[in-house]
C-alpha atoms as a PDB file:
ATOM      1  CA  MET A   1     -91.479  14.992 111.397  1.00  0.00           C
ATOM      2  CA  GLU A   2     -87.710  14.682 111.511  1.00  0.00           C
ATOM      3  CA  ARG A   3     -87.949  11.049 110.478  1.00  0.00           C
ATOM      4  CA  LYS A   4     -89.796  11.958 107.248  1.00  0.00           C
ATOM      5  CA  ILE A   5     -87.121  14.499 106.349  1.00  0.00           C
ATOM      6  CA  THR A   6     -84.288  11.959 106.645  1.00  0.00           C
ATOM      7  CA  ARG A   7     -86.139   9.520 104.396  1.00  0.00           C
ATOM      8  CA  LEU A   8     -86.548  12.091 101.631  1.00  0.00           C
ATOM      9  CA  PRO A   9     -82.884  11.972 100.479  1.00  0.00           C
ATOM     10  CA  ASN A  10     -83.062   8.163 100.447  1.00  0.00           C
ATOM     11  CA  ILE A  11     -86.172   8.262  98.285  1.00  0.00           C
ATOM     12  CA  ILE A  12     -84.577  10.747  95.899  1.00  0.00           C
ATOM     13  CA  ILE A  13     -81.467   8.573  95.602  1.00  0.00           C
ATOM     14  CA  MET A  14     -83.617   5.509  94.966  1.00  0.00           C
ATOM     15  CA  VAL A  15     -85.598   7.301  92.237  1.00  0.00           C
ATOM     16  CA  ILE A  16     -82.386   8.458  90.584  1.00  0.00           C
ATOM     17  CA  LEU A  17     -80.966   4.924  90.667  1.00  0.00           C
ATOM     18  CA  LEU A  18     -84.178   3.509  89.181  1.00  0.00           C
ATOM     19  CA  LEU A  19     -84.134   6.091  86.404  1.00  0.00           C
ATOM     20  CA  PHE A  20     -80.496   5.312  85.680  1.00  0.00           C
ATOM     21  CA  ALA A  21     -81.206   1.570  85.609  1.00  0.00           C
ATOM     22  CA  PHE A  22     -84.192   2.100  83.303  1.00  0.00           C
ATOM     23  CA  TYR A  23     -82.135   4.297  80.960  1.00  0.00           C
ATOM     24  CA  SER A  24     -79.311   1.717  80.851  1.00  0.00           C
ATOM     25  CA  VAL A  25     -81.726  -1.070  79.929  1.00  0.00           C
ATOM     26  CA  GLU A  26     -83.320   1.127  77.255  1.00  0.00           C
ATOM     27  CA  ALA A  27     -79.951   2.040  75.744  1.00  0.00           C
ATOM     28  CA  SER A  28     -78.767  -1.559  75.540  1.00  0.00           C
ATOM     29  CA  ALA A  29     -82.119  -2.721  74.163  1.00  0.00           C
ATOM     30  CA  GLU A  30     -81.663  -0.382  71.212  1.00  0.00           C
ATOM     31  CA  THR A  31     -78.550  -2.228  70.078  1.00  0.00           C
ATOM     32  CA  GLN A  32     -79.821  -5.770  70.693  1.00  0.00           C
ATOM     33  CA  LEU A  33     -80.411  -7.353  67.294  1.00  0.00           C
ATOM     34  CA  PRO A  34     -83.683  -9.323  67.153  1.00  0.00           C
ATOM     35  CA  GLN A  35     -83.270 -13.057  66.522  1.00  0.00           C
ATOM     36  CA  ASN A  36     -85.457 -12.888  63.409  1.00  0.00           C
ATOM     37  CA  TYR A  37     -83.622 -10.020  61.694  1.00  0.00           C
ATOM     38  CA  GLY A  38     -81.294 -10.101  58.694  1.00  0.00           C
ATOM     39  CA  ALA A  39     -78.727 -12.846  58.295  1.00  0.00           C
ATOM     40  CA  LYS A  40     -79.150 -14.084  61.870  1.00  0.00           C
ATOM     41  CA  GLY A  41     -82.873 -14.595  61.249  1.00  0.00           C
ATOM     42  CA  ALA A  42     -82.352 -16.294  57.898  1.00  0.00           C
ATOM     43  CA  LEU A  43     -79.737 -18.661  59.288  1.00  0.00           C
ATOM     44  CA  GLN A  44     -82.101 -19.769  62.078  1.00  0.00           C
ATOM     45  CA  ASP A  45     -85.238 -20.052  59.949  1.00  0.00           C
ATOM     46  CA  SER A  46     -85.876 -23.585  58.715  1.00  0.00           C
ATOM     47  CA  SER A  47     -88.688 -22.769  56.277  1.00  0.00           C
ATOM     48  CA  ILE A  48     -88.176 -19.558  54.311  1.00  0.00           C
ATOM     49  CA  THR A  49     -90.755 -18.115  51.924  1.00  0.00           C
ATOM     50  CA  LEU A  50     -90.005 -15.694  49.085  1.00  0.00           C
ATOM     51  CA  GLU A  51     -91.205 -12.770  51.199  1.00  0.00           C
ATOM     52  CA  GLU A  52     -89.044 -13.828  54.136  1.00  0.00           C
ATOM     53  CA  ALA A  53     -85.996 -14.382  51.926  1.00  0.00           C
ATOM     54  CA  LEU A  54     -86.249 -10.888  50.469  1.00  0.00           C
ATOM     55  CA  THR A  55     -86.964  -9.392  53.882  1.00  0.00           C
ATOM     56  CA  TYR A  56     -83.997 -11.075  55.569  1.00  0.00           C
ATOM     57  CA  ALA A  57     -81.745 -10.032  52.691  1.00  0.00           C
ATOM     58  CA  ILE A  58     -82.730  -6.366  52.656  1.00  0.00           C
ATOM     59  CA  GLN A  59     -82.608  -6.164  56.455  1.00  0.00           C
ATOM     60  CA  ASP A  60     -79.048  -7.445  56.362  1.00  0.00           C
ATOM     61  CA  GLU A  61     -78.117  -4.947  53.651  1.00  0.00           C
ATOM     62  CA  TYR A  62     -79.730  -2.156  55.699  1.00  0.00           C
ATOM     63  CA  LEU A  63     -77.749  -3.348  58.706  1.00  0.00           C
ATOM     64  CA  ALA A  64     -74.472  -3.330  56.771  1.00  0.00           C
ATOM     65  CA  GLN A  65     -75.134   0.141  55.404  1.00  0.00           C
ATOM     66  CA  ALA A  66     -76.013   1.469  58.873  1.00  0.00           C
ATOM     67  CA  ARG A  67     -72.836  -0.126  60.254  1.00  0.00           C
ATOM     68  CA  TYR A  68     -70.697   1.610  57.628  1.00  0.00           C
ATOM     69  CA  ASP A  69     -72.547   4.923  58.109  1.00  0.00           C
ATOM     70  CA  THR A  70     -71.688   4.750  61.815  1.00  0.00           C
ATOM     71  CA  ILE A  71     -68.052   3.898  61.104  1.00  0.00           C
ATOM     72  CA  ILE A  72     -67.688   6.685  58.524  1.00  0.00           C
ATOM     73  CA  ALA A  73     -69.335   9.191  60.884  1.00  0.00           C
ATOM     74  CA  LYS A  74     -66.795   8.329  63.586  1.00  0.00           C
ATOM     75  CA  PHE A  75     -63.584   7.781  61.604  1.00  0.00           C
ATOM     76  CA  GLY A  76     -64.189   9.752  58.403  1.00  0.00           C
ATOM     77  CA  SER A  77     -64.424   8.738  54.755  1.00  0.00           C
ATOM     78  CA  ILE A  78     -61.898   5.938  54.653  1.00  0.00           C
ATOM     79  CA  ARG A  79     -61.603   2.949  52.394  1.00  0.00           C
ATOM     80  CA  PRO A  80     -62.847   0.264  52.214  1.00  0.00           C
ATOM     81  CA  PHE A  81     -65.863   1.471  54.231  1.00  0.00           C
ATOM     82  CA  THR A  82     -66.857   4.173  51.745  1.00  0.00           C
ATOM     83  CA  ASN A  83     -66.577   1.844  48.756  1.00  0.00           C
ATOM     84  CA  ILE A  84     -68.476  -0.962  50.427  1.00  0.00           C
ATOM     85  CA  LYS A  85     -71.180   1.423  51.650  1.00  0.00           C
ATOM     86  CA  ALA A  86     -71.781   2.368  47.994  1.00  0.00           C
ATOM     87  CA  ALA A  87     -71.904  -1.327  47.080  1.00  0.00           C
ATOM     88  CA  GLU A  88     -74.482  -1.971  49.812  1.00  0.00           C
ATOM     89  CA  GLN A  89     -76.704   0.665  48.216  1.00  0.00           C
ATOM     90  CA  ARG A  90     -76.472  -1.211  44.905  1.00  0.00           C
ATOM     91  CA  HIS A  91     -77.380  -4.424  46.734  1.00  0.00           C
ATOM     92  CA  ILE A  92     -80.411  -2.709  48.256  1.00  0.00           C
ATOM     93  CA  SER A  93     -81.454  -1.455  44.807  1.00  0.00           C
ATOM     94  CA  ALA A  94     -81.225  -4.983  43.366  1.00  0.00           C
ATOM     95  CA  LEU A  95     -83.396  -6.300  46.190  1.00  0.00           C
ATOM     96  CA  LEU A  96     -85.901  -3.444  45.869  1.00  0.00           C
ATOM     97  CA  SER A  97     -86.474  -4.381  42.230  1.00  0.00           C
ATOM     98  CA  LEU A  98     -87.387  -7.917  43.377  1.00  0.00           C
ATOM     99  CA  PHE A  99     -89.753  -6.567  46.027  1.00  0.00           C
ATOM    100  CA  GLU A 100     -91.433  -4.529  43.294  1.00  0.00           C
ATOM    101  CA  LYS A 101     -91.566  -7.370  40.777  1.00  0.00           C
ATOM    102  CA  TYR A 102     -93.158  -9.774  43.258  1.00  0.00           C
ATOM    103  CA  LYS A 103     -95.375  -7.084  44.829  1.00  0.00           C
ATOM    104  CA  ILE A 104     -93.993  -7.602  48.322  1.00  0.00           C
ATOM    105  CA  LYS A 105     -94.090  -4.805  50.887  1.00  0.00           C
ATOM    106  CA  VAL A 106     -90.617  -3.434  51.605  1.00  0.00           C
ATOM    107  CA  PRO A 107     -89.794  -3.539  55.335  1.00  0.00           C
ATOM    108  CA  GLU A 108     -88.918  -0.354  57.141  1.00  0.00           C
ATOM    109  CA  ASP A 109     -85.228   0.421  57.445  1.00  0.00           C
ATOM    110  CA  ASN A 110     -84.706   0.507  61.206  1.00  0.00           C
ATOM    111  CA  ALA A 111     -81.188  -0.936  61.163  1.00  0.00           C
ATOM    112  CA  LYS A 112     -79.718   2.117  62.916  1.00  0.00           C
ATOM    113  CA  LEU A 113     -81.442   0.901  66.066  1.00  0.00           C
ATOM    114  CA  TYR A 114     -79.206  -2.178  66.035  1.00  0.00           C
ATOM    115  CA  THR A 115     -75.886  -0.577  65.114  1.00  0.00           C
ATOM    116  CA  LYS A 116     -73.147  -0.123  67.692  1.00  0.00           C
ATOM    117  CA  GLU A 117     -70.374   2.403  67.298  1.00  0.00           C
ATOM    118  CA  PRO A 118     -67.001   0.663  67.300  1.00  0.00           C
ATOM    119  CA  GLY A 119     -64.393   1.956  69.716  1.00  0.00           C
ATOM    120  CA  SER A 120     -61.519   1.669  67.253  1.00  0.00           C
ATOM    121  CA  LEU A 121     -60.756   1.027  63.605  1.00  0.00           C
ATOM    122  CA  LYS A 122     -59.711  -2.495  64.542  1.00  0.00           C
ATOM    123  CA  GLU A 123     -63.203  -3.058  65.992  1.00  0.00           C
ATOM    124  CA  ALA A 124     -64.715  -1.523  62.838  1.00  0.00           C
ATOM    125  CA  TYR A 125     -62.820  -3.958  60.600  1.00  0.00           C
ATOM    126  CA  GLN A 126     -63.761  -6.844  62.893  1.00  0.00           C
ATOM    127  CA  ALA A 127     -67.438  -5.834  62.707  1.00  0.00           C
ATOM    128  CA  GLY A 128     -67.108  -5.739  58.923  1.00  0.00           C
ATOM    129  CA  VAL A 129     -65.603  -9.243  58.866  1.00  0.00           C
ATOM    130  CA  GLU A 130     -68.310 -10.652  61.140  1.00  0.00           C
ATOM    131  CA  GLY A 131     -71.095  -8.950  59.195  1.00  0.00           C
ATOM    132  CA  GLU A 132     -69.846 -10.223  55.851  1.00  0.00           C
ATOM    133  CA  VAL A 133     -69.339 -13.782  57.143  1.00  0.00           C
ATOM    134  CA  ASP A 134     -72.981 -13.862  58.267  1.00  0.00           C
ATOM    135  CA  ASN A 135     -74.085 -12.177  55.045  1.00  0.00           C
ATOM    136  CA  ILE A 136     -72.304 -14.763  52.877  1.00  0.00           C
ATOM    137  CA  ALA A 137     -73.757 -17.649  54.881  1.00  0.00           C
ATOM    138  CA  MET A 138     -77.229 -16.130  54.509  1.00  0.00           C
ATOM    139  CA  TYR A 139     -76.895 -15.675  50.741  1.00  0.00           C
ATOM    140  CA  ASN A 140     -75.540 -19.212  50.347  1.00  0.00           C
ATOM    141  CA  LYS A 141     -78.607 -20.512  52.156  1.00  0.00           C
ATOM    142  CA  LEU A 142     -81.098 -18.279  50.318  1.00  0.00           C
ATOM    143  CA  SER A 143     -79.669 -19.030  46.871  1.00  0.00           C
ATOM    144  CA  SER A 144     -80.088 -22.751  47.472  1.00  0.00           C
ATOM    145  CA  ILE A 145     -83.773 -22.725  48.501  1.00  0.00           C
ATOM    146  CA  SER A 146     -85.553 -24.826  45.909  1.00  0.00           C
ATOM    147  CA  GLY A 147     -88.896 -23.002  46.099  1.00  0.00           C
ATOM    148  CA  LEU A 148     -87.562 -19.553  45.221  1.00  0.00           C
ATOM    149  CA  PRO A 149     -87.892 -18.123  41.696  1.00  0.00           C
ATOM    150  CA  GLN A 150     -84.734 -18.458  39.605  1.00  0.00           C
ATOM    151  CA  ASP A 151     -84.192 -14.699  39.255  1.00  0.00           C
ATOM    152  CA  VAL A 152     -84.268 -14.327  43.044  1.00  0.00           C
ATOM    153  CA  LYS A 153     -81.748 -17.147  43.444  1.00  0.00           C
ATOM    154  CA  VAL A 154     -79.473 -15.509  40.866  1.00  0.00           C
ATOM    155  CA  VAL A 155     -79.552 -12.158  42.703  1.00  0.00           C
ATOM    156  CA  MET A 156     -78.900 -13.886  46.029  1.00  0.00           C
ATOM    157  CA  LYS A 157     -75.895 -15.679  44.516  1.00  0.00           C
ATOM    158  CA  GLN A 158     -74.555 -12.434  43.012  1.00  0.00           C
ATOM    159  CA  LEU A 159     -74.905 -10.579  46.305  1.00  0.00           C
ATOM    160  CA  GLY A 160     -73.162 -13.408  48.151  1.00  0.00           C
ATOM    161  CA  ASP A 161     -70.315 -13.332  45.630  1.00  0.00           C
ATOM    162  CA  ALA A 162     -69.959  -9.558  46.079  1.00  0.00           C
ATOM    163  CA  SER A 163     -69.839 -10.056  49.838  1.00  0.00           C
ATOM    164  CA  GLN A 164     -66.820 -12.340  49.372  1.00  0.00           C
ATOM    165  CA  ASN A 165     -64.957  -9.301  48.007  1.00  0.00           C
ATOM    166  CA  HIS A 166     -66.092  -7.173  50.947  1.00  0.00           C
ATOM    167  CA  LEU A 167     -64.915  -9.855  53.365  1.00  0.00           C
ATOM    168  CA  ALA A 168     -61.469  -9.929  51.741  1.00  0.00           C
ATOM    169  CA  ALA A 169     -61.193  -6.128  52.025  1.00  0.00           C
ATOM    170  CA  PHE A 170     -62.123  -6.162  55.715  1.00  0.00           C
ATOM    171  CA  LYS A 171     -59.714  -9.009  56.430  1.00  0.00           C
ATOM    172  CA  ARG A 172     -56.907  -7.000  54.789  1.00  0.00           C
ATOM    173  CA  GLY A 173     -57.812  -4.010  56.946  1.00  0.00           C
ATOM    174  CA  LEU A 174     -57.968  -6.115  60.091  1.00  0.00           C
ATOM    175  CA  SER A 175     -54.561  -7.673  59.338  1.00  0.00           C
ATOM    176  CA  GLN A 176     -52.968  -4.258  59.970  1.00  0.00           C
ATOM    177  CA  TYR A 177     -53.832  -4.654  63.645  1.00  0.00           C
ATOM    178  CA  GLN A 178     -52.613  -8.218  64.229  1.00  0.00           C
END
């Protein structure tokens, strides 16, 4: 009987450790960006359809907006994050009109699942730089796909050009910390 009693604390500790390990894996899985999502997905995809192009683009815009929402929630309403967040909403609106025109189902906005909170403003600016670099590369690729309708290519080019301005703003912000 005494032997069973001494094992009980060990079992409880093991269960607690397993629960902690499970929770840690769950928490990190929430921020792991899928390979086929947004700019990362578009840049890896070798054969992109109209539906995929629009989906990758709006996912990346959702991701950018969620990133800036997280930054603003932590650090307050500071520029350029507030301005660029508003621009991302305009980008989403432009893409939504293409989804409607071509009768393509709009993907769910689950970008908050993949957004990490930066530890500092320097990290926030760095995340902005990295996000815009990927975004620009994606729009360059999407705007050059020969099979896409011309109006879609024009919007992709315009959104890529706007992202150049966002990148410059984030680089200026990041330069304060170097």
